Every structure is written in C-alpha cells, then in structure tokens.
Amino acid sequence: MFLIFFSYMMNFWLIGIFLLMIHDISDIFLIFPRAYRDCRTIYKPLLQLMYFLMTFTWIGCRIFMLSYCGVYMAIKGLIEVAYNPSMFDPIVL
C-alpha cells in the first residue's frame, strides 16, 4: 500500500506500475507451490519443478528486471538531464 500511495503522490506512477507488475508475476509463481504443498497427495517432482520456476521468476523479476529496468533507467535519465538540461525546457511559442 505504501508503494502505491507513494508513487501516486510523488507522480512516479509509471515506475509504481512497473514495480507492481514484476512483484505480481513473481508472487503468482510463489503461491502455486505453497498451495500445492498443502494438498493431501503430493507428487514430489512436480513440486520441485514449481519451486524451480518460483526461484527462477523471483530472481529474474526482483533482481534482474528491477535493477536494470528500474534503477539503471532512472540513473540513465538523471545523467541525461544533468548533461543536457535544455531538452527538458518548456517550449515557448
């Protein structure tokens, strides 16, 4: 809730939506193995496959996508503004 509120109030809605999407994708693959583990009959290879997919999507979404798409692009945008501030000046007609 804090992420949604903070990104809306600071007008960072685009990065807020991106963060919610990558967290939801990894959370879906987190829920399935936990729910399957609570079933009465468990097929261990299927559960291990689900845990592998969960680990792969969690690492892919929360570490690689967040660091590249979120942090790197924000730093790259700041550098562009610092070296070329005239491209962000308002157009006067």
Protein backbone atom coordinates (compact mmCIF):
# COMPACT_ATOMS: atom_id res chain seq x y z
CA MET A 1 0.00 0.00 0.00
CA PHE A 2 2.87 2.36 0.74
CA LEU A 3 4.35 1.78 -2.73
CA ILE A 4 1.06 2.56 -4.42
CA PHE A 5 0.39 5.65 -2.30
CA PHE A 6 3.96 7.00 -2.51
CA SER A 7 4.31 6.52 -6.26
CA TYR A 8 0.94 8.22 -6.85
CA MET A 9 1.64 11.18 -4.56
CA MET A 10 5.14 11.77 -5.98
CA ASN A 11 3.88 11.40 -9.58
CA PHE A 12 6.03 8.31 -10.12
CA TRP A 13 3.07 6.31 -11.38
CA LEU A 14 4.97 4.69 -14.25
CA ILE A 15 7.66 3.12 -12.06
CA GLY A 16 4.99 2.24 -9.48
CA ILE A 17 3.02 0.28 -12.08
CA PHE A 18 6.20 -1.45 -13.25
CA LEU A 19 7.12 -2.47 -9.70
CA LEU A 20 3.63 -3.81 -9.04
CA MET A 21 3.75 -5.86 -12.24
CA ILE A 22 7.10 -7.50 -11.55
CA HIS A 23 6.11 -8.26 -7.97
CA ASP A 24 2.79 -9.78 -9.07
CA ILE A 25 4.44 -12.04 -11.64
CA SER A 26 6.82 -13.50 -9.08
CA ASP A 27 4.08 -13.76 -6.45
CA ILE A 28 1.91 -15.90 -8.75
CA PHE A 29 4.68 -18.49 -9.01
CA LEU A 30 5.17 -18.27 -5.26
CA ILE A 31 1.52 -19.05 -4.46
CA PHE A 32 1.19 -22.18 -6.62
CA PRO A 33 3.83 -24.34 -4.87
CA ARG A 34 2.66 -23.25 -1.44
CA ALA A 35 -0.93 -24.18 -2.29
CA TYR A 36 0.09 -27.49 -3.89
CA ARG A 37 2.21 -28.42 -0.87
CA ASP A 38 -0.92 -28.21 1.31
CA CYS A 39 -2.72 -30.85 -0.77
CA ARG A 40 -3.06 -34.39 0.60
CA THR A 41 -1.26 -36.17 -2.22
CA ILE A 42 1.93 -34.57 -3.43
CA TYR A 43 3.91 -35.56 -6.48
CA LYS A 44 7.44 -34.52 -5.46
CA PRO A 45 8.90 -33.91 -8.97
CA LEU A 46 6.03 -31.55 -9.77
CA LEU A 47 6.57 -29.70 -6.51
CA GLN A 48 10.29 -29.41 -7.22
CA LEU A 49 9.53 -28.06 -10.70
CA MET A 50 7.19 -25.49 -9.18
CA TYR A 51 9.87 -24.41 -6.70
CA PHE A 52 12.40 -24.12 -9.52
CA LEU A 53 10.01 -21.92 -11.53
CA MET A 54 9.33 -19.85 -8.42
CA THR A 55 13.04 -19.30 -7.81
CA PHE A 56 13.72 -18.50 -11.47
CA THR A 57 10.90 -15.94 -11.74
CA TRP A 58 11.69 -14.39 -8.36
CA ILE A 59 15.36 -13.89 -9.24
CA GLY A 60 14.51 -12.78 -12.76
CA CYS A 61 11.83 -10.30 -11.78
CA ARG A 62 13.02 -8.90 -8.50
CA ILE A 63 16.76 -8.84 -9.07
CA PHE A 64 17.45 -8.51 -12.79
CA MET A 65 14.37 -6.66 -14.06
CA LEU A 66 14.23 -4.32 -11.07
CA SER A 67 17.92 -3.46 -11.20
CA TYR A 68 18.06 -2.99 -14.97
CA CYS A 69 14.68 -1.52 -15.82
CA GLY A 70 14.05 0.44 -12.64
CA VAL A 71 17.34 1.55 -11.15
CA TYR A 72 19.53 1.70 -14.28
CA MET A 73 16.96 3.59 -16.33
CA ALA A 74 16.38 6.08 -13.52
CA ILE A 75 20.11 6.76 -13.22
CA LYS A 76 20.43 7.00 -17.00
CA GLY A 77 17.58 9.53 -17.09
CA LEU A 78 19.22 11.62 -14.37
CA ILE A 79 22.50 11.66 -16.27
CA GLU A 80 20.72 12.77 -19.45
CA VAL A 81 19.06 15.62 -17.58
CA ALA A 82 22.35 16.64 -15.96
CA TYR A 83 24.30 16.80 -19.24
CA ASN A 84 21.53 18.13 -21.48
CA PRO A 85 19.02 20.15 -19.45
CA SER A 86 17.87 22.15 -22.49
CA MET A 87 15.99 19.15 -23.89
CA PHE A 88 13.59 19.39 -20.94
CA ASP A 89 12.95 23.14 -21.15
CA PRO A 90 9.36 24.14 -21.91
CA ILE A 91 8.68 25.21 -25.47
CA VAL A 92 7.81 28.89 -25.70
CA LEU A 93 5.60 29.82 -28.63
